[in-house]
Amino acid sequence: MVTTAVEIKVAKTPPLPTFSTPAEERLHRKQRLASAFRLFAKFGFSEGVAGHITARDPELHDHFWVNPFGMHFAHIRVSDLLLVNEKGDVVEGDRPVNEAAFAIHSRLHMARPDVVAAAHAHSLYGKTWASLGRLLDPLTQDACAFYEDHSLFDDYTGVVYDMSEGDRIAEALGHRKAVILQNHGILTVGSTVDEAAWFFITMDRSCQSQLMAEAAGKPKPIHHEAALVAQKQVGNARVGWFQYQPLYDLIVREQPDLLD
């Protein structure tokens, strides 16, 4: 059997953490979730009360952890996170949940059992690119992470409060890692919080890159075969997880209170 270059590179990344108990894994997911909100604030992804990241509970699989409605991303700590059940009830925490967050994320988690985390925010470049109603082109190595692995939801009807719209977004996402919500923004998913958060960050920057390139001239995309190779190299779950680790270390060192 021939080992591909992609397999070799993935093998060199550290192993994903393992856990002895659900409680241990729950704490890990919540710490990663709180760190993602702090990083989203640092990168300017906050927009009033809009935006949400969720993490499926490792024991109660139809429950997920999410940010409190109306709390700035920059203030969120582990202890602030809410646990929400399949009916939208807050079963742990003392603040309300964003109704749009429940309408979207509950249906995504239901449709995709493999998804542990989902991230959506009204980032400047993500929502600007989304207004064009187009998929990203493979203009850079980083953008190739999404080559033939993202989709477009072109049925904007206002703020998402209807569960049926959450179902339609989940259908548009399909088996992919990301979806562009036309006239709205971008959304990414992953098998870890780290992966979902990283792919949101790099997708927003890919949107910025393409907007800048098209403003400057006519960019030359990477050809199909090479883009597929790059997608396997920079767009797989393990690499997405690994790319997040330096960011986690950075934000915890800068803002250790997020772990409270």
Protein backbone atom coordinates (compact mmCIF):
# COMPACT_ATOMS: atom_id res chain seq x y z
CA MET A 1 0.00 0.00 0.00
CA VAL A 2 1.35 3.42 -0.98
CA THR A 3 1.16 6.11 1.70
CA THR A 4 0.17 9.47 0.27
CA ALA A 5 1.77 12.77 1.18
CA VAL A 6 -1.48 13.84 2.81
CA GLU A 7 -1.50 10.78 5.10
CA ILE A 8 2.13 11.42 6.06
CA LYS A 9 1.45 15.04 7.00
CA VAL A 10 -1.65 14.16 9.02
CA ALA A 11 0.27 11.42 10.82
CA LYS A 12 2.80 14.03 11.98
CA THR A 13 0.17 16.12 13.77
CA PRO A 14 -0.30 15.37 17.49
CA PRO A 15 -3.06 12.92 18.41
CA LEU A 16 -6.44 14.30 19.36
CA PRO A 17 -7.06 14.31 23.12
CA THR A 18 -8.79 11.35 24.75
CA PHE A 19 -10.97 11.45 27.85
CA SER A 20 -11.65 9.11 30.76
CA THR A 21 -15.16 10.36 31.51
CA PRO A 22 -17.93 12.35 29.83
CA ALA A 23 -17.43 15.06 32.44
CA GLU A 24 -13.79 15.42 31.41
CA GLU A 25 -14.73 15.65 27.74
CA ARG A 26 -17.54 18.11 28.52
CA LEU A 27 -15.14 20.46 30.27
CA HIS A 28 -12.71 20.24 27.36
CA ARG A 29 -15.44 21.12 24.85
CA LYS A 30 -16.65 24.02 26.98
CA GLN A 31 -13.12 25.40 27.34
CA ARG A 32 -12.63 25.23 23.59
CA LEU A 33 -16.03 26.84 23.06
CA ALA A 34 -15.27 29.76 25.38
CA SER A 35 -11.90 30.22 23.68
CA ALA A 36 -13.58 30.34 20.26
CA PHE A 37 -15.83 33.20 21.38
CA ARG A 38 -12.86 35.15 22.70
CA LEU A 39 -11.00 34.62 19.42
CA PHE A 40 -14.05 35.64 17.39
CA ALA A 41 -14.16 38.86 19.41
CA LYS A 42 -10.43 39.39 18.89
CA PHE A 43 -10.85 38.97 15.12
CA GLY A 44 -13.81 41.37 14.98
CA PHE A 45 -16.51 38.79 14.28
CA SER A 46 -18.92 40.17 16.90
CA GLU A 47 -21.89 42.22 15.67
CA GLY A 48 -24.20 43.28 18.49
CA VAL A 49 -26.07 40.22 19.73
CA ALA A 50 -25.67 38.27 16.47
CA GLY A 51 -23.66 35.08 16.15
CA HIS A 52 -23.39 31.77 17.92
CA ILE A 53 -21.16 28.73 18.26
CA THR A 54 -22.46 25.45 19.62
CA ALA A 55 -20.88 22.27 20.96
CA ARG A 56 -22.82 19.02 21.30
CA ASP A 57 -22.78 17.59 24.82
CA PRO A 58 -20.70 14.37 24.89
CA GLU A 59 -23.26 12.51 26.99
CA LEU A 60 -26.63 14.12 26.18
CA HIS A 61 -26.31 13.98 22.41
CA ASP A 62 -29.50 15.96 21.72
CA HIS A 63 -28.28 18.82 23.96
CA PHE A 64 -25.73 21.46 23.06
CA TRP A 65 -23.72 24.20 24.75
CA VAL A 66 -24.08 27.74 23.41
CA ASN A 67 -23.39 31.36 24.25
CA PRO A 68 -25.94 33.35 26.30
CA PHE A 69 -28.09 35.74 24.28
CA GLY A 70 -26.87 39.32 24.59
CA MET A 71 -23.44 38.62 26.09
CA HIS A 72 -20.47 39.97 24.15
CA PHE A 73 -18.14 37.31 22.78
CA ALA A 74 -15.23 39.03 24.57
CA HIS A 75 -16.79 38.42 27.99
CA ILE A 76 -17.79 34.77 27.68
CA ARG A 77 -16.30 32.33 30.19
CA VAL A 78 -16.78 28.59 30.56
CA SER A 79 -19.18 29.23 33.45
CA ASP A 80 -21.37 31.47 31.27
CA LEU A 81 -22.20 28.81 28.67
CA LEU A 82 -25.75 27.49 28.44
CA LEU A 83 -26.85 23.89 28.00
CA VAL A 84 -29.94 23.71 25.77
CA ASN A 85 -32.10 20.65 25.14
CA GLU A 86 -33.86 19.51 21.97
CA LYS A 87 -36.91 21.66 22.81
CA GLY A 88 -34.91 24.85 23.22
CA ASP A 89 -35.13 24.84 27.02
CA VAL A 90 -32.12 26.09 28.97
CA VAL A 91 -31.36 23.22 31.36
CA GLU A 92 -28.12 24.69 32.70
CA GLY A 93 -27.41 28.40 32.96
CA ASP A 94 -29.39 31.46 33.98
CA ARG A 95 -29.64 33.54 30.79
CA PRO A 96 -31.84 33.24 27.69
CA VAL A 97 -30.80 31.47 24.52
CA ASN A 98 -30.79 33.17 21.11
CA GLU A 99 -33.88 31.85 19.28
CA ALA A 100 -32.10 32.01 15.93
CA ALA A 101 -29.22 30.00 17.38
CA PHE A 102 -31.63 27.27 18.44
CA ALA A 103 -33.54 27.29 15.14
CA ILE A 104 -30.35 26.83 13.13
CA HIS A 105 -28.08 24.77 15.34
CA SER A 106 -30.65 22.31 16.71
CA ARG A 107 -31.52 21.26 13.16
CA LEU A 108 -27.89 21.08 12.07
CA HIS A 109 -26.97 18.87 15.01
CA MET A 110 -29.99 16.67 14.34
CA ALA A 111 -29.24 16.32 10.62
CA ARG A 112 -25.52 15.72 11.11
CA PRO A 113 -24.73 13.30 13.97
CA ASP A 114 -21.06 13.58 13.04
CA VAL A 115 -21.04 17.32 13.80
CA VAL A 116 -19.86 18.22 17.30
CA ALA A 117 -19.67 21.98 16.74
CA ALA A 118 -21.13 24.62 14.44
CA ALA A 119 -20.07 28.26 14.14
CA HIS A 120 -21.91 31.22 12.67
CA ALA A 121 -21.26 34.94 13.04
CA HIS A 122 -21.91 38.12 11.08
CA SER A 123 -18.26 38.68 10.21
CA LEU A 124 -17.61 41.61 7.88
CA TYR A 125 -16.00 39.74 4.99
CA GLY A 126 -18.18 36.66 5.33
CA LYS A 127 -21.41 38.62 5.07
CA THR A 128 -20.02 40.84 2.31
CA TRP A 129 -19.06 37.83 0.22
CA ALA A 130 -22.41 36.17 1.03
CA SER A 131 -24.22 39.11 -0.59
CA LEU A 132 -22.81 38.00 -3.96
CA GLY A 133 -24.57 34.64 -3.82
CA ARG A 134 -21.47 32.77 -5.03
CA LEU A 135 -19.21 29.99 -3.84
CA LEU A 136 -15.58 30.77 -3.10
CA ASP A 137 -13.08 30.10 -5.89
CA PRO A 138 -9.81 28.22 -5.25
CA LEU A 139 -7.67 31.35 -5.47
CA THR A 140 -5.27 30.49 -2.66
CA GLN A 141 -4.02 27.42 -0.84
CA ASP A 142 -6.11 28.37 2.19
CA ALA A 143 -9.28 28.80 0.12
CA CYS A 144 -8.76 25.29 -1.26
CA ALA A 145 -9.86 23.96 2.15
CA PHE A 146 -13.39 24.67 0.91
CA TYR A 147 -12.99 23.50 -2.67
CA GLU A 148 -16.00 21.31 -3.50
CA ASP A 149 -16.65 21.21 0.26
CA HIS A 150 -18.98 24.16 0.80
CA SER A 151 -22.42 25.11 -0.46
CA LEU A 152 -24.78 28.04 -0.94
CA PHE A 153 -28.09 28.65 0.82
CA ASP A 154 -29.86 31.23 -1.34
CA ASP A 155 -33.23 31.45 0.40
CA TYR A 156 -32.89 34.43 2.76
CA THR A 157 -36.24 35.31 4.37
CA GLY A 158 -35.17 37.36 7.41
CA VAL A 159 -33.89 36.46 10.88
CA VAL A 160 -34.07 32.69 11.33
CA TYR A 161 -36.78 31.91 13.89
CA ASP A 162 -38.58 29.15 11.98
CA MET A 163 -37.32 25.62 12.57
CA SER A 164 -38.13 24.76 8.96
CA GLU A 165 -35.52 27.26 7.81
CA GLY A 166 -33.01 25.53 10.04
CA ASP A 167 -33.91 22.33 8.22
CA ARG A 168 -33.37 24.00 4.85
CA ILE A 169 -29.97 25.31 5.93
CA ALA A 170 -29.01 21.82 7.12
CA GLU A 171 -30.14 20.42 3.76
CA ALA A 172 -28.09 23.00 1.88
CA LEU A 173 -25.04 22.21 4.01
CA GLY A 174 -25.40 18.50 3.29
CA HIS A 175 -22.23 16.53 4.07
CA ARG A 176 -19.94 19.55 3.65
CA LYS A 177 -17.97 21.57 6.19
CA ALA A 178 -19.40 25.03 5.38
CA VAL A 179 -22.32 26.87 3.85
CA ILE A 180 -22.60 30.44 2.60
CA LEU A 181 -25.89 31.94 3.76
CA GLN A 182 -26.73 34.40 1.00
CA ASN A 183 -27.28 37.97 2.28
CA HIS A 184 -26.49 36.73 5.78
CA GLY A 185 -23.01 35.31 6.40
CA ILE A 186 -21.10 32.05 6.65
CA LEU A 187 -21.45 28.93 8.79
CA THR A 188 -18.95 26.13 9.42
CA VAL A 189 -19.13 22.78 11.20
CA GLY A 190 -16.63 20.28 12.54
CA SER A 191 -16.07 17.11 14.48
CA THR A 192 -14.44 19.25 17.18
CA VAL A 193 -14.97 22.82 18.36
CA ASP A 194 -11.42 23.53 17.25
CA GLU A 195 -12.11 22.43 13.69
CA ALA A 196 -15.37 24.36 13.31
CA ALA A 197 -13.82 27.53 14.75
CA TRP A 198 -10.68 27.31 12.62
CA PHE A 199 -12.59 26.77 9.40
CA PHE A 200 -14.79 29.77 10.19
CA ILE A 201 -11.73 31.95 10.76
CA THR A 202 -9.96 30.85 7.60
CA MET A 203 -13.16 30.98 5.53
CA ASP A 204 -13.78 34.57 6.53
CA ARG A 205 -10.21 35.45 5.55
CA SER A 206 -10.67 33.61 2.25
CA CYS A 207 -13.74 35.75 1.61
CA GLN A 208 -11.63 38.84 2.34
CA SER A 209 -8.87 37.60 0.05
CA GLN A 210 -11.19 37.00 -2.89
CA LEU A 211 -12.93 40.35 -2.42
CA MET A 212 -9.54 42.09 -2.47
CA ALA A 213 -8.27 40.09 -5.45
CA GLU A 214 -11.37 40.81 -7.53
CA ALA A 215 -11.21 44.50 -6.62
CA ALA A 216 -7.62 44.62 -7.88
CA GLY A 217 -8.11 42.71 -11.12
CA LYS A 218 -8.98 39.29 -12.49
CA PRO A 219 -7.52 36.61 -10.22
CA LYS A 220 -6.27 33.31 -11.62
CA PRO A 221 -7.76 30.29 -9.82
CA ILE A 222 -5.84 27.14 -9.00
CA HIS A 223 -6.74 24.45 -11.53
CA HIS A 224 -9.13 21.66 -10.56
CA GLU A 225 -6.66 18.81 -9.97
CA ALA A 226 -4.29 20.87 -7.84
CA ALA A 227 -7.19 22.38 -5.89
CA LEU A 228 -8.44 18.88 -5.03
CA VAL A 229 -4.98 17.90 -3.78
CA ALA A 230 -4.75 21.05 -1.66
CA GLN A 231 -8.24 20.45 -0.29
CA LYS A 232 -7.15 17.09 1.07
CA GLN A 233 -4.01 18.67 2.52
CA VAL A 234 -5.47 21.76 4.23
CA GLY A 235 -9.16 20.93 4.45
CA ASN A 236 -9.28 17.68 6.40
CA ALA A 237 -10.59 17.46 9.96
CA ARG A 238 -7.27 16.67 11.64
CA VAL A 239 -5.50 19.63 10.04
CA GLY A 240 -8.43 21.89 10.90
CA TRP A 241 -8.13 20.81 14.54
CA PHE A 242 -4.35 21.28 14.56
CA GLN A 243 -4.50 24.76 13.01
CA TYR A 244 -6.56 25.89 15.99
CA GLN A 245 -4.09 24.80 18.67
CA PRO A 246 -1.74 27.83 18.48
CA LEU A 247 -4.76 30.12 18.60
CA TYR A 248 -6.07 28.35 21.68
CA ASP A 249 -2.69 28.70 23.40
CA LEU A 250 -2.55 32.38 22.43
CA ILE A 251 -5.98 33.34 23.73
CA VAL A 252 -5.66 31.37 26.98
CA ARG A 253 -2.33 33.07 27.72
CA GLU A 254 -3.79 36.49 26.90
CA GLN A 255 -7.18 35.99 28.57
CA PRO A 256 -6.96 33.17 31.15
CA ASP A 257 -10.23 34.25 32.77
CA LEU A 258 -12.11 32.58 29.89
CA LEU A 259 -11.48 29.26 31.69
CA ASP A 260 -13.36 30.40 34.82
